[in-house]
N, C-alpha and C. Protein backbone atom coordinates (compact mmCIF):
# COMPACT_ATOMS: atom_id res chain seq x y z
N MET A 1 0.93 -0.95 0.18
CA MET A 1 0.29 0.26 0.37
C MET A 1 0.81 1.28 0.23
N ASN A 2 0.78 1.92 -0.74
CA ASN A 2 1.66 3.74 -1.18
C ASN A 2 0.92 4.54 -0.45
N THR A 3 0.98 4.67 0.90
CA THR A 3 0.79 5.81 1.27
C THR A 3 0.93 7.22 1.06
N ASP A 4 2.48 7.51 0.45
CA ASP A 4 2.67 8.28 -0.11
C ASP A 4 1.76 9.02 -1.51
N LYS A 5 1.63 8.16 -2.23
CA LYS A 5 0.33 8.34 -3.65
C LYS A 5 -0.96 8.93 -2.99
N ILE A 6 -1.47 7.75 -2.07
CA ILE A 6 -2.56 8.17 -1.33
C ILE A 6 -2.72 9.50 -0.85
N TYR A 7 -1.86 10.19 -0.07
CA TYR A 7 -1.73 11.39 0.50
C TYR A 7 -1.35 12.45 -0.48
N ALA A 8 -0.72 12.15 -1.67
CA ALA A 8 -0.42 13.03 -2.65
C ALA A 8 -1.81 13.25 -3.38
N GLU A 9 -2.57 12.40 -3.80
CA GLU A 9 -4.08 12.68 -4.63
C GLU A 9 -5.13 13.45 -3.18
N ALA A 10 -4.96 13.08 -2.19
CA ALA A 10 -6.01 13.99 -1.52
C ALA A 10 -5.97 15.03 -1.26
N ILE A 11 -3.64 15.43 -1.39
CA ILE A 11 -3.46 16.60 -1.73
C ILE A 11 -4.08 17.34 -2.35
N VAL A 12 -4.04 17.07 -3.83
CA VAL A 12 -4.30 17.06 -5.31
C VAL A 12 -5.68 17.85 -4.92
N ASN A 13 -6.63 17.00 -4.69
CA ASN A 13 -7.77 16.46 -5.03
C ASN A 13 -8.43 18.03 -3.73
N GLU A 14 -7.59 18.20 -3.01
CA GLU A 14 -8.04 19.28 -2.20
C GLU A 14 -7.94 21.02 -2.66
N TYR A 15 -6.64 21.22 -3.55
CA TYR A 15 -6.29 21.90 -4.51
C TYR A 15 -6.90 22.44 -5.75
N SER A 16 -7.35 21.43 -6.23
CA SER A 16 -7.95 21.66 -7.64
C SER A 16 -9.02 21.86 -7.76
N LYS A 17 -9.47 22.50 -8.72
CA LYS A 17 -10.55 23.29 -8.76
C LYS A 17 -12.26 22.19 -9.11
N LYS A 18 -12.72 22.91 -8.08
CA LYS A 18 -13.92 21.85 -8.28
C LYS A 18 -14.89 22.38 -9.29
N SER A 19 -15.66 21.28 -10.29
CA SER A 19 -16.59 21.90 -10.95
C SER A 19 -18.08 21.53 -10.27
N ALA A 20 -18.64 22.48 -10.66
CA ALA A 20 -19.84 22.12 -9.74
C ALA A 20 -20.95 21.57 -10.52
N SER A 21 -21.50 20.17 -9.52
CA SER A 21 -22.23 19.15 -10.43
C SER A 21 -23.61 19.23 -10.29
N LYS A 22 -24.32 18.93 -10.74
CA LYS A 22 -25.49 19.19 -10.46
C LYS A 22 -26.02 18.09 -9.06
N VAL A 23 -25.57 17.21 -8.64
CA VAL A 23 -25.62 16.55 -7.13
C VAL A 23 -25.49 17.80 -6.18
N VAL A 24 -24.27 17.98 -6.75
CA VAL A 24 -24.11 18.92 -5.75
C VAL A 24 -25.00 20.14 -5.37
N ALA A 25 -25.17 20.70 -6.50
CA ALA A 25 -26.51 21.73 -6.54
C ALA A 25 -27.71 21.18 -5.92
N LEU A 26 -28.20 20.22 -6.21
CA LEU A 26 -29.26 19.70 -5.53
C LEU A 26 -29.07 19.91 -4.03
N ARG A 27 -28.04 18.97 -3.38
CA ARG A 27 -27.99 18.95 -2.18
C ARG A 27 -27.87 20.43 -1.52
N LYS A 28 -27.35 21.70 -2.53
CA LYS A 28 -27.45 23.13 -1.89
C LYS A 28 -29.07 23.27 -1.95
N LEU A 29 -29.34 23.10 -3.04
CA LEU A 29 -31.49 23.55 -2.85
C LEU A 29 -32.19 22.61 -1.40
N ASP A 30 -31.78 21.34 -1.58
CA ASP A 30 -32.24 20.61 -0.24
C ASP A 30 -31.98 21.41 0.83
N ARG A 31 -30.72 21.90 0.96
CA ARG A 31 -30.39 22.49 2.32
C ARG A 31 -30.85 23.82 2.93
N ALA A 32 -30.68 24.51 1.07
CA ALA A 32 -31.48 25.80 1.26
C ALA A 32 -33.21 25.68 1.37
N ALA A 33 -33.47 24.44 1.57
CA ALA A 33 -35.11 24.76 1.44
C ALA A 33 -35.34 24.18 2.70
N LYS A 34 -34.68 23.30 3.72
CA LYS A 34 -34.90 23.04 4.93
C LYS A 34 -34.06 24.00 5.91
N ARG A 35 -33.39 24.61 5.68
CA ARG A 35 -32.47 25.83 6.69
C ARG A 35 -33.36 27.15 7.33
N PRO A 36 -34.19 27.28 7.05
CA PRO A 36 -35.32 28.24 7.75
C PRO A 36 -36.01 27.93 8.64
N ALA A 37 -36.34 26.53 8.19
CA ALA A 37 -37.28 25.38 9.49
C ALA A 37 -36.22 25.61 10.86
N GLN A 38 -35.01 24.87 10.08
CA GLN A 38 -34.19 24.01 11.43
C GLN A 38 -33.49 25.56 12.23
N ILE A 39 -33.45 26.79 11.38
CA ILE A 39 -33.06 27.91 12.02
C ILE A 39 -34.06 28.16 13.22
N PHE A 40 -35.42 28.50 12.52
CA PHE A 40 -36.48 28.55 13.45
C PHE A 40 -36.85 27.77 15.06
N THR A 41 -36.48 26.47 14.49
CA THR A 41 -37.18 25.53 15.63
C THR A 41 -35.95 25.69 16.46
N TYR A 42 -34.53 25.60 15.97
CA TYR A 42 -33.63 25.73 17.01
C TYR A 42 -33.83 27.29 17.93
N THR A 43 -33.50 28.07 17.20
CA THR A 43 -34.14 29.70 18.36
C THR A 43 -35.25 29.35 19.03
N PHE A 44 -36.70 28.73 18.38
CA PHE A 44 -37.82 29.00 19.32
C PHE A 44 -37.38 28.46 20.33
N GLY A 45 -36.55 27.04 20.14
CA GLY A 45 -36.95 25.57 21.21
C GLY A 45 -35.78 26.32 22.45
N ILE A 46 -34.88 26.64 21.90
CA ILE A 46 -34.01 27.50 22.81
C ILE A 46 -34.63 28.58 23.60
N ILE A 47 -35.44 29.30 23.06
CA ILE A 47 -35.72 30.60 23.97
C ILE A 47 -37.04 30.11 24.84
N ALA A 48 -37.85 28.89 24.64
CA ALA A 48 -38.71 28.55 24.81
C ALA A 48 -38.32 27.59 26.15
N ALA A 49 -37.21 26.80 25.97
CA ALA A 49 -36.92 26.40 27.22
C ALA A 49 -36.16 27.01 28.27
N LEU A 50 -35.40 28.23 27.87
CA LEU A 50 -34.76 29.15 28.97
C LEU A 50 -35.91 29.91 29.69
N VAL A 51 -37.31 30.20 28.86
CA VAL A 51 -38.54 30.72 29.46
C VAL A 51 -39.27 29.69 30.46
N ALA A 52 -38.84 28.59 30.13
CA ALA A 52 -39.90 27.42 31.50
C ALA A 52 -38.68 27.23 32.35
N GLY A 53 -37.36 27.25 32.44
CA GLY A 53 -36.57 27.40 33.57
C GLY A 53 -36.30 28.15 34.18
N VAL A 54 -36.70 29.42 33.38
CA VAL A 54 -37.23 30.79 34.47
C VAL A 54 -38.41 30.41 35.42
N GLY A 55 -39.42 30.11 34.64
CA GLY A 55 -40.55 29.50 35.76
C GLY A 55 -40.50 28.39 36.33
N MET A 56 -39.46 27.56 36.25
CA MET A 56 -39.23 26.96 37.59
C MET A 56 -38.49 27.56 38.48
N CYS A 57 -37.65 28.18 38.58
CA CYS A 57 -36.35 28.45 39.25
C CYS A 57 -37.64 29.72 39.95
N LEU A 58 -38.04 30.46 39.67
CA LEU A 58 -39.46 31.23 40.04
C LEU A 58 -40.69 30.26 40.89
N SER A 59 -40.84 29.52 40.78
CA SER A 59 -41.84 28.43 41.34
C SER A 59 -40.85 28.05 42.52
N MET A 60 -39.56 27.57 42.13
CA MET A 60 -39.09 26.73 43.53
C MET A 60 -38.38 27.98 44.06
N LYS A 61 -38.64 29.21 43.83
CA LYS A 61 -37.98 29.93 44.74
C LYS A 61 -36.71 30.19 44.97
N VAL A 62 -35.98 29.61 43.61
CA VAL A 62 -34.74 29.94 43.45
C VAL A 62 -34.13 31.56 43.32
N ILE A 63 -35.20 31.97 42.11
CA ILE A 63 -35.08 33.53 42.21
C ILE A 63 -36.09 34.12 43.24
N ASP A 64 -35.73 35.34 43.19
CA ASP A 64 -36.11 36.50 43.75
C ASP A 64 -36.56 35.79 45.47
N ASP A 65 -37.36 36.76 46.03
CA ASP A 65 -37.70 36.88 47.54
C ASP A 65 -38.21 35.56 48.02
N GLY A 66 -39.22 34.69 47.17
CA GLY A 66 -39.92 33.23 47.33
C GLY A 66 -41.53 33.98 48.04
N SER A 67 -42.00 35.17 47.24
CA SER A 67 -43.33 35.32 48.17
C SER A 67 -43.74 34.06 46.99
N THR A 68 -45.35 33.84 47.38
CA THR A 68 -46.42 33.27 46.79
C THR A 68 -46.65 33.56 45.66
N ALA A 69 -46.42 35.56 45.47
CA ALA A 69 -46.99 35.97 44.42
C ALA A 69 -45.79 35.60 43.04
N MET A 70 -44.62 35.45 43.42
CA MET A 70 -43.50 35.24 42.19
C MET A 70 -44.04 33.56 42.29
N MET A 71 -43.91 32.79 43.08
CA MET A 71 -44.16 31.83 42.74
C MET A 71 -45.46 30.79 41.75
N ILE A 72 -46.38 31.88 41.92
CA ILE A 72 -47.60 31.80 41.07
C ILE A 72 -47.11 31.98 39.48
N LEU A 73 -46.60 33.47 39.76
CA LEU A 73 -45.97 34.19 38.43
C LEU A 73 -44.58 33.20 37.74
N GLY A 74 -44.20 32.36 38.45
CA GLY A 74 -42.94 31.09 37.88
C GLY A 74 -44.12 30.20 37.20
N ILE A 75 -44.95 29.82 38.35
CA ILE A 75 -46.08 28.56 37.78
C ILE A 75 -46.40 29.05 35.80
N ALA A 76 -46.87 30.56 36.09
CA ALA A 76 -47.73 30.99 34.59
C ALA A 76 -46.19 30.83 33.82
N VAL A 77 -45.22 31.55 33.93
CA VAL A 77 -43.96 31.34 33.10
C VAL A 77 -43.36 30.13 32.61
N GLY A 78 -43.91 29.35 33.48
CA GLY A 78 -43.30 28.04 33.13
C GLY A 78 -44.26 27.34 32.11
N ILE A 79 -45.39 27.70 32.04
CA ILE A 79 -46.32 26.86 31.60
C ILE A 79 -46.03 27.87 30.29
N ILE A 80 -45.95 29.10 30.47
CA ILE A 80 -46.02 29.45 28.53
C ILE A 80 -44.63 28.62 28.06
N GLY A 81 -43.43 28.70 28.83
CA GLY A 81 -42.38 28.23 28.12
C GLY A 81 -42.60 26.60 27.57
N PHE A 82 -43.04 25.80 28.23
CA PHE A 82 -43.74 24.19 28.15
C PHE A 82 -45.02 23.80 26.63
N ILE A 83 -45.59 25.36 27.06
CA ILE A 83 -46.75 25.75 25.56
C ILE A 83 -45.95 26.26 24.33
N GLY A 84 -44.61 26.83 24.67
CA GLY A 84 -43.80 26.84 23.55
C GLY A 84 -43.32 26.20 23.12
N ALA A 85 -42.44 25.12 23.96
CA ALA A 85 -42.03 23.94 23.40
C ALA A 85 -42.65 22.44 22.63
N GLY A 86 -44.21 22.88 23.58
CA GLY A 86 -44.96 22.01 22.55
C GLY A 86 -45.45 22.28 20.83
N VAL A 87 -45.66 23.53 21.22
CA VAL A 87 -45.95 24.14 19.47
C VAL A 87 -44.54 24.04 18.77
N ASN A 88 -44.02 23.89 19.42
CA ASN A 88 -42.25 24.17 17.98
C ASN A 88 -43.13 23.59 16.82
N TYR A 89 -42.90 21.68 17.28
CA TYR A 89 -42.78 20.78 15.93
C TYR A 89 -43.99 21.15 15.15
N PRO A 90 -44.69 21.45 15.53
CA PRO A 90 -45.71 21.77 14.37
C PRO A 90 -45.50 22.86 13.92
N ILE A 91 -44.85 24.17 14.12
CA ILE A 91 -44.63 25.06 13.37
C ILE A 91 -43.10 25.17 12.45
N TYR A 92 -42.81 24.08 13.26
CA TYR A 92 -41.40 23.49 12.43
C TYR A 92 -41.90 22.89 11.05
N ASN A 93 -42.99 21.74 11.18
CA ASN A 93 -43.27 21.16 9.98
C ASN A 93 -44.28 22.33 9.19
N ARG A 94 -44.88 23.40 9.48
CA ARG A 94 -45.62 24.11 8.74
C ARG A 94 -44.38 24.99 7.92
N ILE A 95 -43.43 25.77 8.48
CA ILE A 95 -42.50 26.18 7.80
C ILE A 95 -41.92 25.00 6.92
N LEU A 96 -41.45 24.25 7.11
CA LEU A 96 -41.20 22.71 6.83
C LEU A 96 -41.09 23.15 5.12
N GLN A 97 -42.87 22.73 5.45
CA GLN A 97 -43.53 22.43 4.42
C GLN A 97 -43.55 23.38 3.23
N LYS A 98 -43.84 24.52 3.56
CA LYS A 98 -44.09 26.08 3.06
C LYS A 98 -42.63 26.13 2.07
N SER A 99 -41.54 25.97 2.95
CA SER A 99 -40.38 26.18 1.97
C SER A 99 -39.92 24.88 1.02
N LYS A 100 -40.36 24.04 1.07
CA LYS A 100 -40.30 23.01 0.57
C LYS A 100 -41.12 23.17 -0.80
N GLU A 101 -42.38 23.74 -0.57
CA GLU A 101 -43.42 24.12 -2.12
C GLU A 101 -42.45 24.92 -2.34
N LYS A 102 -41.41 26.03 -1.63
CA LYS A 102 -41.09 27.27 -2.62
C LYS A 102 -39.75 26.46 -3.62
N TYR A 103 -39.03 25.47 -3.30
CA TYR A 103 -37.90 25.20 -3.70
C TYR A 103 -38.37 23.50 -4.26
N ALA A 104 -39.60 23.26 -4.61
CA ALA A 104 -40.50 21.85 -4.87
C ALA A 104 -39.69 21.71 -6.41
N GLY A 105 -39.99 22.89 -7.31
CA GLY A 105 -40.17 22.72 -8.56
C GLY A 105 -38.37 22.89 -9.37
N ASP A 106 -37.59 23.59 -8.62
CA ASP A 106 -36.05 23.48 -9.13
C ASP A 106 -35.58 21.90 -8.36
N ILE A 107 -35.94 21.64 -7.62
CA ILE A 107 -35.52 20.39 -6.55
C ILE A 107 -35.78 19.21 -7.40
N ILE A 108 -36.82 18.98 -8.05
CA ILE A 108 -37.87 17.89 -9.27
C ILE A 108 -37.31 18.30 -10.40
N ARG A 109 -36.86 19.20 -10.87
CA ARG A 109 -36.55 19.62 -12.43
C ARG A 109 -34.89 18.95 -12.08
N LEU A 110 -34.38 19.23 -11.23
CA LEU A 110 -32.74 19.29 -11.14
C LEU A 110 -32.58 17.34 -11.13
N ALA A 111 -33.32 17.28 -9.89
CA ALA A 111 -33.11 15.32 -9.86
C ALA A 111 -33.74 14.31 -11.00
N SER A 112 -34.56 15.49 -11.88
CA SER A 112 -35.06 14.34 -13.05
C SER A 112 -33.54 14.44 -13.92
N GLU A 113 -32.91 16.15 -14.26
CA GLU A 113 -31.86 15.90 -14.79
C GLU A 113 -31.10 14.56 -14.95
N ILE A 114 -30.55 14.64 -13.52
CA ILE A 114 -29.41 14.03 -12.94
C ILE A 114 -30.14 12.22 -13.44
N ALA A 115 -31.61 12.02 -13.13
CA ALA A 115 -31.83 10.37 -13.30
C ALA A 115 -31.86 10.23 -14.80
N ASN A 116 -31.85 11.51 -15.13
CA ASN A 116 -32.09 10.59 -17.00
C ASN A 116 -30.71 11.05 -17.59
N GLU A 117 -29.73 11.35 -16.68
CA GLU A 117 -28.38 11.26 -17.60
C GLU A 117 -27.79 9.82 -16.78
N SER A 118 -28.32 9.80 -15.88
CA SER A 118 -27.81 8.35 -15.53
C SER A 118 -28.25 7.12 -16.61
N ASN A 119 -29.40 7.26 -16.92
CA ASN A 119 -29.52 6.12 -17.76
C ASN A 119 -29.21 5.73 -19.33
């Protein structure tokens, strides 16, 4: 096994000019279709988890003076955070569906071209 040859080919591939193939373009379109939904879902999910955490801290009297009013507020804030986490997935599906509809024509056309070339 000639490791020098393998290493040299890896270096050449790294520095050689890449041609944009249709498969690469198809992957980019697929990622572009999914990216808005993923960005929203991660952001909204993190915010909802933080809100739920603040609510739990308030209700367990970790934050603030430990009054009953703050505990009730903490329960309400925690419930809002849990509701946010619960609706995150349906919102993700809705955004993903709209984004897929936006890119569907280009993706189907490009996939058909790739499938016809291989035949």
